[in-house]
Amino acid sequence: MSAPAKVSGALKSVDYEVFGRVQGNGGLRGLVLSVLALTVLFHYFPNQYTEQEAKKLGVVGWVKNTSQGTVTGQVQGPEERVNEMKSWLSKVGSPSSRIDKTNFSNEKEISKLDFSDFNTRY
């Protein structure tokens, strides 16, 4: 695990919510498999992959599944790294998932990080 990036320059904080779904086909069996895949991908793997990407980029914050089936969280770090994470959240995400949209809010410059790592909240 990499430590949060320590670079000079502006620190940024942003909240996010990712909306998406997993596609599937194959009749009833396909529907059951799709529901299972959706449960697994949106209730475990996005957090695993989001946490992994955040640590790779050296940003801090958290990720959490919502009862509405979205993934929400907060990212903090050097502006360039936060922007890279925003791009990943909007365009890449976890394997086999489809991102319909990502909303970003409360984007602001901060003087210090509120977190020491990136983790999953339950």
N, C-alpha and C. Protein backbone atom coordinates (compact mmCIF):
# COMPACT_ATOMS: atom_id res chain seq x y z
N MET A 1 0.84 -1.18 0.00
CA MET A 1 0.00 0.00 0.00
C MET A 1 0.87 1.23 0.00
N SER A 2 0.51 2.17 -0.85
CA SER A 2 1.30 3.39 -0.88
C SER A 2 0.74 4.40 0.11
N ALA A 3 1.61 5.22 0.61
CA ALA A 3 1.20 6.26 1.55
C ALA A 3 0.56 7.40 0.77
N PRO A 4 -0.27 8.20 1.40
CA PRO A 4 -0.83 9.35 0.72
C PRO A 4 0.29 10.21 0.13
N ALA A 5 0.03 10.70 -1.07
CA ALA A 5 1.05 11.50 -1.76
C ALA A 5 1.36 12.75 -0.96
N LYS A 6 2.63 13.03 -0.82
CA LYS A 6 3.06 14.24 -0.12
C LYS A 6 3.76 15.13 -1.15
N VAL A 7 2.98 15.98 -1.77
CA VAL A 7 3.53 16.90 -2.75
C VAL A 7 3.06 18.30 -2.39
N SER A 8 3.84 19.25 -2.80
CA SER A 8 3.43 20.63 -2.53
C SER A 8 2.32 21.00 -3.50
N GLY A 9 1.58 22.01 -3.16
CA GLY A 9 0.49 22.44 -4.02
C GLY A 9 -0.84 22.29 -3.31
N ALA A 10 -1.88 22.58 -4.05
CA ALA A 10 -3.22 22.59 -3.49
C ALA A 10 -3.73 21.19 -3.19
N LEU A 11 -4.35 21.05 -2.03
CA LEU A 11 -5.05 19.83 -1.69
C LEU A 11 -6.52 20.04 -2.01
N LYS A 12 -7.15 18.99 -2.47
CA LYS A 12 -8.53 19.07 -2.90
C LYS A 12 -9.35 17.98 -2.22
N SER A 13 -10.62 18.26 -1.99
CA SER A 13 -11.56 17.30 -1.44
C SER A 13 -12.81 17.30 -2.32
N VAL A 14 -13.35 16.11 -2.58
CA VAL A 14 -14.58 16.02 -3.37
C VAL A 14 -15.39 14.81 -2.93
N ASP A 15 -16.70 14.97 -2.85
CA ASP A 15 -17.62 13.87 -2.58
C ASP A 15 -18.10 13.32 -3.92
N TYR A 16 -18.44 12.03 -3.95
CA TYR A 16 -18.90 11.44 -5.20
C TYR A 16 -19.99 10.42 -4.96
N GLU A 17 -20.79 10.17 -5.99
CA GLU A 17 -21.78 9.09 -6.00
C GLU A 17 -21.79 8.51 -7.39
N VAL A 18 -21.59 7.19 -7.49
CA VAL A 18 -21.53 6.50 -8.77
C VAL A 18 -22.81 5.69 -8.96
N PHE A 19 -23.44 5.89 -10.12
CA PHE A 19 -24.65 5.18 -10.49
C PHE A 19 -24.30 4.23 -11.63
N GLY A 20 -24.77 2.99 -11.56
CA GLY A 20 -24.48 2.05 -12.63
C GLY A 20 -25.17 0.73 -12.43
N ARG A 21 -24.90 -0.18 -13.38
CA ARG A 21 -25.49 -1.51 -13.30
C ARG A 21 -24.64 -2.50 -14.07
N VAL A 22 -24.94 -3.78 -13.89
CA VAL A 22 -24.28 -4.84 -14.62
C VAL A 22 -25.27 -5.38 -15.63
N GLN A 23 -24.85 -5.55 -16.86
CA GLN A 23 -25.72 -6.09 -17.89
C GLN A 23 -25.66 -7.60 -17.88
N GLY A 24 -26.75 -8.25 -18.21
CA GLY A 24 -26.79 -9.70 -18.29
C GLY A 24 -27.89 -10.15 -19.23
N ASN A 25 -27.79 -11.39 -19.71
CA ASN A 25 -28.85 -11.95 -20.53
C ASN A 25 -28.93 -13.44 -20.28
N GLY A 26 -29.84 -14.13 -20.94
CA GLY A 26 -29.93 -15.57 -20.80
C GLY A 26 -31.17 -16.03 -20.04
N GLY A 27 -32.28 -15.33 -20.20
CA GLY A 27 -33.53 -15.76 -19.59
C GLY A 27 -33.50 -15.69 -18.08
N LEU A 28 -34.29 -16.56 -17.44
CA LEU A 28 -34.40 -16.55 -15.98
C LEU A 28 -33.06 -16.86 -15.33
N ARG A 29 -32.35 -17.86 -15.86
CA ARG A 29 -31.03 -18.19 -15.30
C ARG A 29 -30.11 -16.97 -15.40
N GLY A 30 -30.15 -16.31 -16.56
CA GLY A 30 -29.34 -15.11 -16.76
C GLY A 30 -29.75 -14.01 -15.80
N LEU A 31 -31.05 -13.90 -15.56
CA LEU A 31 -31.54 -12.88 -14.63
C LEU A 31 -31.03 -13.16 -13.22
N VAL A 32 -31.10 -14.42 -12.80
CA VAL A 32 -30.61 -14.79 -11.47
C VAL A 32 -29.11 -14.51 -11.39
N LEU A 33 -28.36 -14.92 -12.41
CA LEU A 33 -26.93 -14.67 -12.41
C LEU A 33 -26.63 -13.18 -12.44
N SER A 34 -27.43 -12.41 -13.18
CA SER A 34 -27.22 -10.96 -13.23
C SER A 34 -27.47 -10.33 -11.88
N VAL A 35 -28.52 -10.78 -11.19
CA VAL A 35 -28.82 -10.24 -9.86
C VAL A 35 -27.68 -10.59 -8.91
N LEU A 36 -27.19 -11.83 -8.98
CA LEU A 36 -26.06 -12.20 -8.13
C LEU A 36 -24.82 -11.39 -8.48
N ALA A 37 -24.56 -11.21 -9.77
CA ALA A 37 -23.41 -10.42 -10.20
C ALA A 37 -23.56 -8.98 -9.76
N LEU A 38 -24.77 -8.44 -9.89
CA LEU A 38 -25.01 -7.06 -9.46
C LEU A 38 -24.75 -6.93 -7.97
N THR A 39 -25.24 -7.89 -7.20
CA THR A 39 -25.02 -7.85 -5.76
C THR A 39 -23.53 -7.89 -5.44
N VAL A 40 -22.83 -8.80 -6.08
CA VAL A 40 -21.40 -8.93 -5.81
C VAL A 40 -20.65 -7.70 -6.29
N LEU A 41 -20.89 -7.27 -7.52
CA LEU A 41 -20.11 -6.16 -8.08
C LEU A 41 -20.40 -4.83 -7.39
N PHE A 42 -21.65 -4.58 -7.05
CA PHE A 42 -21.96 -3.29 -6.48
C PHE A 42 -22.00 -3.29 -4.96
N HIS A 43 -21.80 -4.45 -4.35
CA HIS A 43 -21.80 -4.48 -2.89
C HIS A 43 -20.51 -5.06 -2.32
N TYR A 44 -19.54 -5.28 -3.17
CA TYR A 44 -18.23 -5.67 -2.67
C TYR A 44 -17.12 -5.17 -3.59
N PHE A 45 -17.13 -5.65 -4.82
CA PHE A 45 -16.02 -5.36 -5.70
C PHE A 45 -15.78 -3.89 -5.99
N PRO A 46 -16.82 -3.06 -6.20
CA PRO A 46 -16.49 -1.66 -6.48
C PRO A 46 -15.66 -1.06 -5.35
N ASN A 47 -16.00 -1.44 -4.12
CA ASN A 47 -15.24 -0.92 -3.00
C ASN A 47 -13.81 -1.43 -3.04
N GLN A 48 -13.63 -2.71 -3.35
CA GLN A 48 -12.29 -3.28 -3.43
C GLN A 48 -11.49 -2.58 -4.52
N TYR A 49 -12.08 -2.44 -5.69
CA TYR A 49 -11.36 -1.82 -6.80
C TYR A 49 -11.17 -0.32 -6.58
N THR A 50 -12.17 0.33 -6.00
CA THR A 50 -12.06 1.76 -5.71
C THR A 50 -10.94 1.99 -4.69
N GLU A 51 -10.93 1.18 -3.65
CA GLU A 51 -9.89 1.29 -2.62
C GLU A 51 -8.51 1.05 -3.23
N GLN A 52 -8.41 0.04 -4.07
CA GLN A 52 -7.13 -0.29 -4.73
C GLN A 52 -6.64 0.86 -5.61
N GLU A 53 -7.54 1.43 -6.40
CA GLU A 53 -7.15 2.54 -7.29
C GLU A 53 -6.76 3.77 -6.49
N ALA A 54 -7.51 4.06 -5.43
CA ALA A 54 -7.20 5.22 -4.59
C ALA A 54 -5.81 5.08 -3.97
N LYS A 55 -5.51 3.90 -3.48
CA LYS A 55 -4.20 3.67 -2.85
C LYS A 55 -3.09 3.75 -3.90
N LYS A 56 -3.36 3.26 -5.09
CA LYS A 56 -2.38 3.35 -6.17
C LYS A 56 -2.07 4.82 -6.51
N LEU A 57 -3.11 5.64 -6.51
CA LEU A 57 -2.94 7.06 -6.84
C LEU A 57 -2.42 7.88 -5.65
N GLY A 58 -2.52 7.32 -4.44
CA GLY A 58 -2.05 8.04 -3.26
C GLY A 58 -3.03 9.06 -2.72
N VAL A 59 -4.33 8.83 -2.96
CA VAL A 59 -5.36 9.71 -2.38
C VAL A 59 -5.95 9.02 -1.16
N VAL A 60 -6.62 9.77 -0.32
CA VAL A 60 -7.23 9.25 0.90
C VAL A 60 -8.73 9.51 0.86
N GLY A 61 -9.45 8.85 1.76
CA GLY A 61 -10.90 9.05 1.84
C GLY A 61 -11.60 7.76 2.15
N TRP A 62 -12.80 7.60 1.57
CA TRP A 62 -13.60 6.42 1.86
C TRP A 62 -14.57 6.13 0.73
N VAL A 63 -15.11 4.91 0.75
CA VAL A 63 -16.12 4.45 -0.20
C VAL A 63 -17.15 3.64 0.57
N LYS A 64 -18.42 3.71 0.14
CA LYS A 64 -19.49 2.99 0.83
C LYS A 64 -20.61 2.69 -0.16
N ASN A 65 -21.25 1.53 0.01
CA ASN A 65 -22.44 1.20 -0.76
C ASN A 65 -23.64 1.85 -0.09
N THR A 66 -24.61 2.28 -0.91
CA THR A 66 -25.83 2.86 -0.37
C THR A 66 -26.98 1.87 -0.52
N SER A 67 -28.03 2.09 0.21
CA SER A 67 -29.22 1.24 0.10
C SER A 67 -29.94 1.46 -1.22
N GLN A 68 -29.60 2.53 -1.95
CA GLN A 68 -30.19 2.79 -3.26
C GLN A 68 -29.41 2.10 -4.39
N GLY A 69 -28.37 1.34 -4.04
CA GLY A 69 -27.61 0.62 -5.06
C GLY A 69 -26.52 1.43 -5.71
N THR A 70 -26.19 2.57 -5.15
CA THR A 70 -25.09 3.39 -5.67
C THR A 70 -23.86 3.21 -4.77
N VAL A 71 -22.77 3.75 -5.23
CA VAL A 71 -21.53 3.76 -4.44
C VAL A 71 -21.20 5.23 -4.18
N THR A 72 -20.95 5.56 -2.94
CA THR A 72 -20.69 6.95 -2.57
C THR A 72 -19.40 7.03 -1.76
N GLY A 73 -18.83 8.22 -1.69
CA GLY A 73 -17.62 8.38 -0.91
C GLY A 73 -17.03 9.76 -1.00
N GLN A 74 -15.80 9.87 -0.52
CA GLN A 74 -15.07 11.14 -0.54
C GLN A 74 -13.61 10.85 -0.86
N VAL A 75 -13.02 11.70 -1.67
CA VAL A 75 -11.61 11.59 -2.03
C VAL A 75 -10.91 12.88 -1.67
N GLN A 76 -9.70 12.78 -1.09
CA GLN A 76 -8.88 13.94 -0.76
C GLN A 76 -7.44 13.67 -1.18
N GLY A 77 -6.77 14.73 -1.57
CA GLY A 77 -5.37 14.62 -1.92
C GLY A 77 -4.94 15.76 -2.80
N PRO A 78 -3.74 15.65 -3.39
CA PRO A 78 -3.27 16.67 -4.32
C PRO A 78 -4.25 16.79 -5.50
N GLU A 79 -4.48 17.99 -5.94
CA GLU A 79 -5.49 18.25 -6.96
C GLU A 79 -5.35 17.34 -8.18
N GLU A 80 -4.15 17.15 -8.67
CA GLU A 80 -3.94 16.33 -9.86
C GLU A 80 -4.35 14.88 -9.62
N ARG A 81 -4.02 14.36 -8.44
CA ARG A 81 -4.37 12.97 -8.10
C ARG A 81 -5.88 12.81 -7.91
N VAL A 82 -6.51 13.79 -7.28
CA VAL A 82 -7.96 13.74 -7.10
C VAL A 82 -8.64 13.76 -8.46
N ASN A 83 -8.13 14.58 -9.38
CA ASN A 83 -8.71 14.63 -10.73
C ASN A 83 -8.55 13.30 -11.45
N GLU A 84 -7.43 12.61 -11.23
CA GLU A 84 -7.23 11.28 -11.82
C GLU A 84 -8.24 10.29 -11.25
N MET A 85 -8.50 10.37 -9.95
CA MET A 85 -9.46 9.49 -9.32
C MET A 85 -10.88 9.79 -9.82
N LYS A 86 -11.19 11.06 -10.01
CA LYS A 86 -12.50 11.43 -10.54
C LYS A 86 -12.69 10.83 -11.92
N SER A 87 -11.67 10.87 -12.74
CA SER A 87 -11.74 10.29 -14.08
C SER A 87 -11.98 8.78 -13.99
N TRP A 88 -11.25 8.10 -13.11
CA TRP A 88 -11.42 6.66 -12.93
C TRP A 88 -12.84 6.32 -12.46
N LEU A 89 -13.36 7.09 -11.52
CA LEU A 89 -14.71 6.87 -11.02
C LEU A 89 -15.77 7.09 -12.09
N SER A 90 -15.49 7.99 -13.03
CA SER A 90 -16.46 8.33 -14.08
C SER A 90 -16.39 7.40 -15.28
N LYS A 91 -15.19 6.88 -15.57
CA LYS A 91 -15.00 6.18 -16.85
C LYS A 91 -14.58 4.72 -16.75
N VAL A 92 -13.97 4.31 -15.64
CA VAL A 92 -13.40 2.97 -15.57
C VAL A 92 -14.18 2.10 -14.59
N GLY A 93 -14.05 2.36 -13.31
CA GLY A 93 -14.74 1.57 -12.29
C GLY A 93 -14.25 0.15 -12.21
N SER A 94 -15.06 -0.70 -11.59
CA SER A 94 -14.69 -2.10 -11.42
C SER A 94 -14.95 -2.89 -12.71
N PRO A 95 -14.22 -3.98 -12.91
CA PRO A 95 -14.44 -4.80 -14.11
C PRO A 95 -15.90 -5.28 -14.19
N SER A 96 -16.43 -5.36 -15.37
CA SER A 96 -17.78 -5.87 -15.65
C SER A 96 -18.90 -4.97 -15.15
N SER A 97 -18.59 -3.83 -14.59
CA SER A 97 -19.65 -2.90 -14.19
C SER A 97 -19.84 -1.87 -15.29
N ARG A 98 -20.99 -1.25 -15.29
CA ARG A 98 -21.24 -0.17 -16.24
C ARG A 98 -21.59 1.08 -15.46
N ILE A 99 -20.87 2.14 -15.70
CA ILE A 99 -21.11 3.40 -15.01
C ILE A 99 -22.08 4.21 -15.85
N ASP A 100 -23.26 4.48 -15.29
CA ASP A 100 -24.24 5.30 -16.00
C ASP A 100 -23.92 6.77 -15.81
N LYS A 101 -23.58 7.15 -14.60
CA LYS A 101 -23.17 8.54 -14.33
C LYS A 101 -22.48 8.60 -12.98
N THR A 102 -21.70 9.64 -12.80
CA THR A 102 -21.05 9.91 -11.52
C THR A 102 -21.29 11.37 -11.17
N ASN A 103 -21.82 11.60 -10.00
CA ASN A 103 -22.04 12.96 -9.52
C ASN A 103 -20.94 13.34 -8.54
N PHE A 104 -20.39 14.53 -8.74
CA PHE A 104 -19.39 15.08 -7.82
C PHE A 104 -19.97 16.31 -7.16
N SER A 105 -19.71 16.46 -5.86
CA SER A 105 -20.25 17.61 -5.12
C SER A 105 -19.26 18.04 -4.05
N ASN A 106 -19.50 19.20 -3.48
CA ASN A 106 -18.68 19.73 -2.38
C ASN A 106 -17.19 19.75 -2.73
N GLU A 107 -16.89 20.03 -3.97
CA GLU A 107 -15.48 20.09 -4.39
C GLU A 107 -14.87 21.38 -3.87
N LYS A 108 -13.75 21.23 -3.15
CA LYS A 108 -13.15 22.42 -2.54
C LYS A 108 -11.68 22.20 -2.26
N GLU A 109 -10.97 23.30 -2.12
CA GLU A 109 -9.57 23.25 -1.71
C GLU A 109 -9.55 23.13 -0.19
N ILE A 110 -8.63 22.30 0.32
CA ILE A 110 -8.51 22.11 1.77
C ILE A 110 -7.07 22.38 2.20
N SER A 111 -6.89 22.71 3.46
CA SER A 111 -5.55 23.02 3.97
C SER A 111 -4.83 21.78 4.49
N LYS A 112 -5.62 20.75 4.88
CA LYS A 112 -5.00 19.50 5.36
C LYS A 112 -5.95 18.35 5.09
N LEU A 113 -5.38 17.14 5.04
CA LEU A 113 -6.18 15.94 4.81
C LEU A 113 -6.93 15.55 6.07
N ASP A 114 -8.17 15.10 5.92
CA ASP A 114 -8.97 14.64 7.05
C ASP A 114 -8.80 13.15 7.32
N PHE A 115 -8.14 12.43 6.41
CA PHE A 115 -7.97 10.99 6.52
C PHE A 115 -6.50 10.65 6.33
N SER A 116 -6.10 9.48 6.85
CA SER A 116 -4.71 9.04 6.67
C SER A 116 -4.60 7.90 5.67
N ASP A 117 -5.75 7.37 5.21
CA ASP A 117 -5.77 6.23 4.30
C ASP A 117 -7.08 6.26 3.52
N PHE A 118 -7.25 5.32 2.63
CA PHE A 118 -8.52 5.16 1.92
C PHE A 118 -9.10 3.83 2.33
N ASN A 119 -10.37 3.83 2.80
CA ASN A 119 -10.96 2.57 3.24
C ASN A 119 -12.44 2.48 2.92
N THR A 120 -12.96 1.29 3.13
CA THR A 120 -14.37 1.00 2.89
C THR A 120 -15.14 1.19 4.19
N ARG A 121 -16.25 1.89 4.08
CA ARG A 121 -17.15 2.06 5.23
C ARG A 121 -18.33 1.11 5.06
N TYR A 122 -18.84 0.62 6.18
CA TYR A 122 -19.98 -0.31 6.15
C TYR A 122 -21.17 0.25 6.85
